[in-house]
């Protein structure tokens, strides 16, 4: 599984990288990486057609556990998936902006 830290994730985000948040909708509404698409873990495989297979997909959750598992799922489905270590919690601790 490919993984990047929060500093690299912020750089990728600044360059326009695609982010998928696999948390539940309520968690997502409380704050997420700006521009991230919410595809909850339990529904991810039924919504794969919503993702662009031509670019890397950066997967984020609260802490990196769920996103790690979903990165493996996406990779197995043929996506260039990258786990964001530390998740949204680390994103916020590092002082990066969030959307609500």
C-alpha atoms as a PDB file:
ATOM      1  CA  UNK A   1       0.000   0.000   0.000  1.00  0.00           C
ATOM      2  CA  UNK A   2       1.214   3.454  -0.906  1.00  0.00           C
ATOM      3  CA  UNK A   3       1.067   6.057   1.840  1.00  0.00           C
ATOM      4  CA  UNK A   4       1.969   9.728   2.238  1.00  0.00           C
ATOM      5  CA  UNK A   5       2.298  11.927   5.293  1.00  0.00           C
ATOM      6  CA  UNK A   6       0.268  15.066   5.940  1.00  0.00           C
ATOM      7  CA  UNK A   7       2.913  17.451   4.616  1.00  0.00           C
ATOM      8  CA  UNK A   8       3.050  15.608   1.294  1.00  0.00           C
ATOM      9  CA  UNK A   9      -0.759  15.355   1.243  1.00  0.00           C
ATOM     10  CA  UNK A  10      -1.000  19.138   1.664  1.00  0.00           C
ATOM     11  CA  UNK A  11       1.389  19.623  -1.257  1.00  0.00           C
ATOM     12  CA  UNK A  12      -0.634  17.206  -3.413  1.00  0.00           C
ATOM     13  CA  UNK A  13      -3.817  19.039  -2.410  1.00  0.00           C
ATOM     14  CA  UNK A  14      -2.289  22.385  -3.386  1.00  0.00           C
ATOM     15  CA  UNK A  15      -1.462  20.869  -6.800  1.00  0.00           C
ATOM     16  CA  UNK A  16      -5.111  19.852  -7.301  1.00  0.00           C
ATOM     17  CA  UNK A  17      -4.872  16.189  -6.303  1.00  0.00           C
ATOM     18  CA  UNK A  18      -8.055  14.154  -5.842  1.00  0.00           C
ATOM     19  CA  UNK A  19      -9.096  13.280  -2.271  1.00  0.00           C
ATOM     20  CA  UNK A  20     -11.714  10.758  -1.178  1.00  0.00           C
ATOM     21  CA  UNK A  21     -12.943  10.814   2.417  1.00  0.00           C
ATOM     22  CA  UNK A  22     -14.245   7.386   3.476  1.00  0.00           C
ATOM     23  CA  UNK A  23     -15.797   8.513   6.769  1.00  0.00           C
ATOM     24  CA  UNK A  24     -19.531   8.541   7.440  1.00  0.00           C
ATOM     25  CA  UNK A  25     -21.498  11.590   6.234  1.00  0.00           C
ATOM     26  CA  UNK A  26     -21.871  13.064   9.734  1.00  0.00           C
ATOM     27  CA  UNK A  27     -18.109  12.895  10.293  1.00  0.00           C
ATOM     28  CA  UNK A  28     -17.523  14.429   6.867  1.00  0.00           C
ATOM     29  CA  UNK A  29     -19.886  17.326   7.622  1.00  0.00           C
ATOM     30  CA  UNK A  30     -17.970  18.108  10.817  1.00  0.00           C
ATOM     31  CA  UNK A  31     -14.916  18.989   8.742  1.00  0.00           C
ATOM     32  CA  UNK A  32     -12.967  17.578   5.829  1.00  0.00           C
ATOM     33  CA  UNK A  33     -10.115  18.287   3.446  1.00  0.00           C
ATOM     34  CA  UNK A  34     -11.388  21.015   1.098  1.00  0.00           C
ATOM     35  CA  UNK A  35     -12.717  19.554  -2.133  1.00  0.00           C
ATOM     36  CA  UNK A  36     -12.684  15.958  -0.874  1.00  0.00           C
ATOM     37  CA  UNK A  37     -15.448  13.674  -2.124  1.00  0.00           C
ATOM     38  CA  UNK A  38     -17.328  11.741   0.557  1.00  0.00           C
ATOM     39  CA  UNK A  39     -17.601   8.048  -0.356  1.00  0.00           C
ATOM     40  CA  UNK A  40     -18.253   6.265   2.969  1.00  0.00           C
ATOM     41  CA  UNK A  41     -16.351   3.053   3.518  1.00  0.00           C
ATOM     42  CA  UNK A  42     -19.481   0.874   3.475  1.00  0.00           C
ATOM     43  CA  UNK A  43     -20.568   2.247   0.083  1.00  0.00           C
ATOM     44  CA  UNK A  44     -17.220   2.736  -1.620  1.00  0.00           C
ATOM     45  CA  UNK A  45     -17.235  -0.351  -3.820  1.00  0.00           C
ATOM     46  CA  UNK A  46     -20.717   0.430  -5.176  1.00  0.00           C
ATOM     47  CA  UNK A  47     -19.607   3.957  -6.139  1.00  0.00           C
ATOM     48  CA  UNK A  48     -16.283   3.308  -7.869  1.00  0.00           C
ATOM     49  CA  UNK A  49     -17.641   4.727 -11.111  1.00  0.00           C
ATOM     50  CA  UNK A  50     -17.599   8.174  -9.449  1.00  0.00           C
ATOM     51  CA  UNK A  51     -13.798   8.124  -9.305  1.00  0.00           C
ATOM     52  CA  UNK A  52     -11.345   9.054 -12.033  1.00  0.00           C
ATOM     53  CA  UNK A  53      -9.119   6.072 -12.839  1.00  0.00           C
ATOM     54  CA  UNK A  54      -6.647   8.283 -14.719  1.00  0.00           C
ATOM     55  CA  UNK A  55      -5.240  10.056 -11.672  1.00  0.00           C
ATOM     56  CA  UNK A  56      -4.093   9.076  -8.172  1.00  0.00           C
ATOM     57  CA  UNK A  57      -6.804   8.941  -5.510  1.00  0.00           C
ATOM     58  CA  UNK A  58      -5.734  10.105  -2.038  1.00  0.00           C
ATOM     59  CA  UNK A  59      -7.805   8.327   0.590  1.00  0.00           C
ATOM     60  CA  UNK A  60      -8.468   9.939   3.961  1.00  0.00           C
ATOM     61  CA  UNK A  61     -10.493   9.150   7.092  1.00  0.00           C
ATOM     62  CA  UNK A  62     -10.226  10.341  10.692  1.00  0.00           C
ATOM     63  CA  UNK A  63      -6.929   8.705  11.646  1.00  0.00           C
ATOM     64  CA  UNK A  64      -5.718   6.608   8.716  1.00  0.00           C
ATOM     65  CA  UNK A  65      -7.123   3.210   9.704  1.00  0.00           C
ATOM     66  CA  UNK A  66     -10.232   3.066   7.515  1.00  0.00           C
ATOM     67  CA  UNK A  67      -8.454   4.845   4.685  1.00  0.00           C
ATOM     68  CA  UNK A  68      -5.665   2.277   4.819  1.00  0.00           C
ATOM     69  CA  UNK A  69      -8.145  -0.557   4.315  1.00  0.00           C
ATOM     70  CA  UNK A  70      -9.972   1.320   1.545  1.00  0.00           C
ATOM     71  CA  UNK A  71      -6.691   2.155  -0.180  1.00  0.00           C
ATOM     72  CA  UNK A  72      -6.119  -1.588  -0.478  1.00  0.00           C
ATOM     73  CA  UNK A  73      -9.651  -2.042  -1.873  1.00  0.00           C
ATOM     74  CA  UNK A  74      -9.141   0.706  -4.444  1.00  0.00           C
ATOM     75  CA  UNK A  75      -5.730  -0.631  -5.440  1.00  0.00           C
ATOM     76  CA  UNK A  76      -7.214  -4.092  -5.965  1.00  0.00           C
ATOM     77  CA  UNK A  77      -9.871  -2.474  -8.186  1.00  0.00           C
ATOM     78  CA  UNK A  78      -7.178  -0.951 -10.400  1.00  0.00           C
ATOM     79  CA  UNK A  79      -6.919   2.553  -8.954  1.00  0.00           C
ATOM     80  CA  UNK A  80      -3.679   4.356  -8.148  1.00  0.00           C
ATOM     81  CA  UNK A  81      -4.709   4.754  -4.501  1.00  0.00           C
ATOM     82  CA  UNK A  82      -2.647   6.455  -1.804  1.00  0.00           C
ATOM     83  CA  UNK A  83      -3.398   6.415   1.921  1.00  0.00           C
ATOM     84  CA  UNK A  84      -3.091   9.711   3.819  1.00  0.00           C
ATOM     85  CA  UNK A  85      -1.364   8.751   7.083  1.00  0.00           C
ATOM     86  CA  UNK A  86      -2.899  10.328  10.165  1.00  0.00           C
ATOM     87  CA  UNK A  87      -6.084  11.288   8.349  1.00  0.00           C
ATOM     88  CA  UNK A  88      -8.169  14.370   8.928  1.00  0.00           C
ATOM     89  CA  UNK A  89      -7.038  14.567  12.554  1.00  0.00           C
ATOM     90  CA  UNK A  90      -3.417  15.027  11.486  1.00  0.00           C
ATOM     91  CA  UNK A  91      -4.522  17.445   8.736  1.00  0.00           C
ATOM     92  CA  UNK A  92      -6.212  19.654  11.334  1.00  0.00           C
ATOM     93  CA  UNK A  93      -3.332  19.359  13.856  1.00  0.00           C
ATOM     94  CA  UNK A  94      -0.949  20.531  11.127  1.00  0.00           C
ATOM     95  CA  UNK A  95      -3.058  23.680  10.710  1.00  0.00           C
ATOM     96  CA  UNK A  96      -4.436  22.950   7.248  1.00  0.00           C
ATOM     97  CA  UNK A  97      -7.877  24.355   6.394  1.00  0.00           C
ATOM     98  CA  UNK A  98     -11.046  22.288   6.469  1.00  0.00           C
ATOM     99  CA  UNK A  99     -14.454  22.635   4.888  1.00  0.00           C
ATOM    100  CA  UNK A 100     -17.702  22.117   6.754  1.00  0.00           C
END
